Amino acid sequence: MTLEMLKGAINDKKMLCPKCKQPVQKYDNFVEMVSSVWDGAGDSGTELEGSKVTLICGNDGCGWKERTEYWESYIVED
């Protein structure tokens, strides 16, 4: 999952807080996890293993906050 997908899910209010069931309002510290980096003979690349982010509910009365690499599980489909 990419940062653009995360931003889209939050902006579209499709990422729900598991505690209060309202849309997640914020995120912090998004990082992509690297599984390998290779370089050789004019060819190089990086293979990504996923991403990790801190999700913050941000709704009144709810203090839920979680650092997770499984953030896509909080996205609901229409």
C-alpha atoms as a PDB file:
ATOM      1  CA  MET A   1       0.000   0.000   0.000  1.00  0.00           C
ATOM      2  CA  THR A   2       1.247   3.445  -0.820  1.00  0.00           C
ATOM      3  CA  LEU A   3       1.105   6.830   0.839  1.00  0.00           C
ATOM      4  CA  GLU A   4      -1.320   8.017  -1.858  1.00  0.00           C
ATOM      5  CA  MET A   5      -3.687   5.139  -1.014  1.00  0.00           C
ATOM      6  CA  LEU A   6      -3.497   6.004   2.683  1.00  0.00           C
ATOM      7  CA  LYS A   7      -4.213   9.685   2.036  1.00  0.00           C
ATOM      8  CA  GLY A   8      -7.103   8.764  -0.279  1.00  0.00           C
ATOM      9  CA  ALA A   9      -8.689   6.434   2.304  1.00  0.00           C
ATOM     10  CA  ILE A  10      -8.486   9.121   5.009  1.00  0.00           C
ATOM     11  CA  ASN A  11      -9.754  11.911   2.718  1.00  0.00           C
ATOM     12  CA  ASP A  12     -12.620   9.723   1.450  1.00  0.00           C
ATOM     13  CA  LYS A  13     -13.469   8.775   5.064  1.00  0.00           C
ATOM     14  CA  LYS A  14     -13.086   5.064   4.260  1.00  0.00           C
ATOM     15  CA  MET A  15     -10.690   4.295   7.120  1.00  0.00           C
ATOM     16  CA  LEU A  16     -12.613   3.679  10.339  1.00  0.00           C
ATOM     17  CA  CYS A  17     -11.428   3.768  13.923  1.00  0.00           C
ATOM     18  CA  PRO A  18     -12.002   0.333  15.532  1.00  0.00           C
ATOM     19  CA  LYS A  19     -12.909   1.972  18.856  1.00  0.00           C
ATOM     20  CA  CYS A  20     -15.506   4.637  17.978  1.00  0.00           C
ATOM     21  CA  LYS A  21     -16.336   3.473  14.395  1.00  0.00           C
ATOM     22  CA  GLN A  22     -15.894   7.032  13.049  1.00  0.00           C
ATOM     23  CA  PRO A  23     -13.497   7.934  10.201  1.00  0.00           C
ATOM     24  CA  VAL A  24      -9.807   8.174  11.126  1.00  0.00           C
ATOM     25  CA  GLN A  25      -8.754  11.829  10.912  1.00  0.00           C
ATOM     26  CA  LYS A  26      -4.941  11.759  10.890  1.00  0.00           C
ATOM     27  CA  TYR A  27      -1.811   9.740  10.392  1.00  0.00           C
ATOM     28  CA  ASP A  28       1.836  10.232  11.312  1.00  0.00           C
ATOM     29  CA  ASN A  29       5.234   8.664  10.592  1.00  0.00           C
ATOM     30  CA  PHE A  30       4.489   6.829   7.327  1.00  0.00           C
ATOM     31  CA  VAL A  31       7.469   4.718   6.211  1.00  0.00           C
ATOM     32  CA  GLU A  32       7.924   2.184   3.450  1.00  0.00           C
ATOM     33  CA  MET A  33       9.729  -0.943   4.615  1.00  0.00           C
ATOM     34  CA  VAL A  34      12.540  -2.122   2.355  1.00  0.00           C
ATOM     35  CA  SER A  35      13.154  -5.838   1.842  1.00  0.00           C
ATOM     36  CA  SER A  36      16.232  -5.464  -0.375  1.00  0.00           C
ATOM     37  CA  VAL A  37      18.358  -2.971  -2.230  1.00  0.00           C
ATOM     38  CA  TRP A  38      20.510  -4.119  -5.110  1.00  0.00           C
ATOM     39  CA  ASP A  39      22.958  -2.443  -7.417  1.00  0.00           C
ATOM     40  CA  GLY A  40      25.025  -3.837 -10.204  1.00  0.00           C
ATOM     41  CA  ALA A  41      26.122  -3.486 -13.807  1.00  0.00           C
ATOM     42  CA  GLY A  42      24.117  -0.349 -14.484  1.00  0.00           C
ATOM     43  CA  ASP A  43      20.969  -1.829 -13.017  1.00  0.00           C
ATOM     44  CA  SER A  44      19.765  -1.018  -9.524  1.00  0.00           C
ATOM     45  CA  GLY A  45      16.567  -1.119  -7.559  1.00  0.00           C
ATOM     46  CA  THR A  46      14.753  -1.304  -4.285  1.00  0.00           C
ATOM     47  CA  GLU A  47      12.190  -3.943  -3.369  1.00  0.00           C
ATOM     48  CA  LEU A  48       9.598  -2.791  -0.870  1.00  0.00           C
ATOM     49  CA  GLU A  49       8.097  -5.052   1.781  1.00  0.00           C
ATOM     50  CA  GLY A  50       5.113  -2.889   2.694  1.00  0.00           C
ATOM     51  CA  SER A  51       4.611   0.181   4.839  1.00  0.00           C
ATOM     52  CA  LYS A  52       4.045   1.207   8.434  1.00  0.00           C
ATOM     53  CA  VAL A  53       2.096   4.165   9.781  1.00  0.00           C
ATOM     54  CA  THR A  54       0.717   5.595  13.012  1.00  0.00           C
ATOM     55  CA  LEU A  55      -3.052   6.028  12.679  1.00  0.00           C
ATOM     56  CA  ILE A  56      -4.708   8.630  14.910  1.00  0.00           C
ATOM     57  CA  CYS A  57      -8.491   8.675  15.353  1.00  0.00           C
ATOM     58  CA  GLY A  58      -8.729  12.410  16.077  1.00  0.00           C
ATOM     59  CA  ASN A  59     -12.481  12.369  16.808  1.00  0.00           C
ATOM     60  CA  ASP A  60     -13.808  14.042  19.971  1.00  0.00           C
ATOM     61  CA  GLY A  61     -13.761  11.733  22.961  1.00  0.00           C
ATOM     62  CA  CYS A  62     -11.692   9.014  21.274  1.00  0.00           C
ATOM     63  CA  GLY A  63      -7.997   8.693  22.024  1.00  0.00           C
ATOM     64  CA  TRP A  64      -7.311   5.669  19.805  1.00  0.00           C
ATOM     65  CA  LYS A  65      -3.872   5.654  18.198  1.00  0.00           C
ATOM     66  CA  GLU A  66      -1.979   2.709  16.717  1.00  0.00           C
ATOM     67  CA  ARG A  67       1.326   2.078  14.951  1.00  0.00           C
ATOM     68  CA  THR A  68       0.706  -0.667  12.402  1.00  0.00           C
ATOM     69  CA  GLU A  69       1.852  -2.241   9.164  1.00  0.00           C
ATOM     70  CA  TYR A  70      -1.652  -3.657   8.602  1.00  0.00           C
ATOM     71  CA  TRP A  71      -3.359  -0.293   8.150  1.00  0.00           C
ATOM     72  CA  GLU A  72      -5.197  -1.427   5.021  1.00  0.00           C
ATOM     73  CA  SER A  73      -7.364  -3.649   7.277  1.00  0.00           C
ATOM     74  CA  TYR A  74      -9.017  -0.472   8.651  1.00  0.00           C
ATOM     75  CA  ILE A  75     -10.277   0.568   5.193  1.00  0.00           C
ATOM     76  CA  VAL A  76     -13.927  -0.218   4.514  1.00  0.00           C
ATOM     77  CA  GLU A  77     -15.323  -0.750   1.044  1.00  0.00           C
ATOM     78  CA  ASP A  78     -18.618   0.716  -0.144  1.00  0.00           C
END
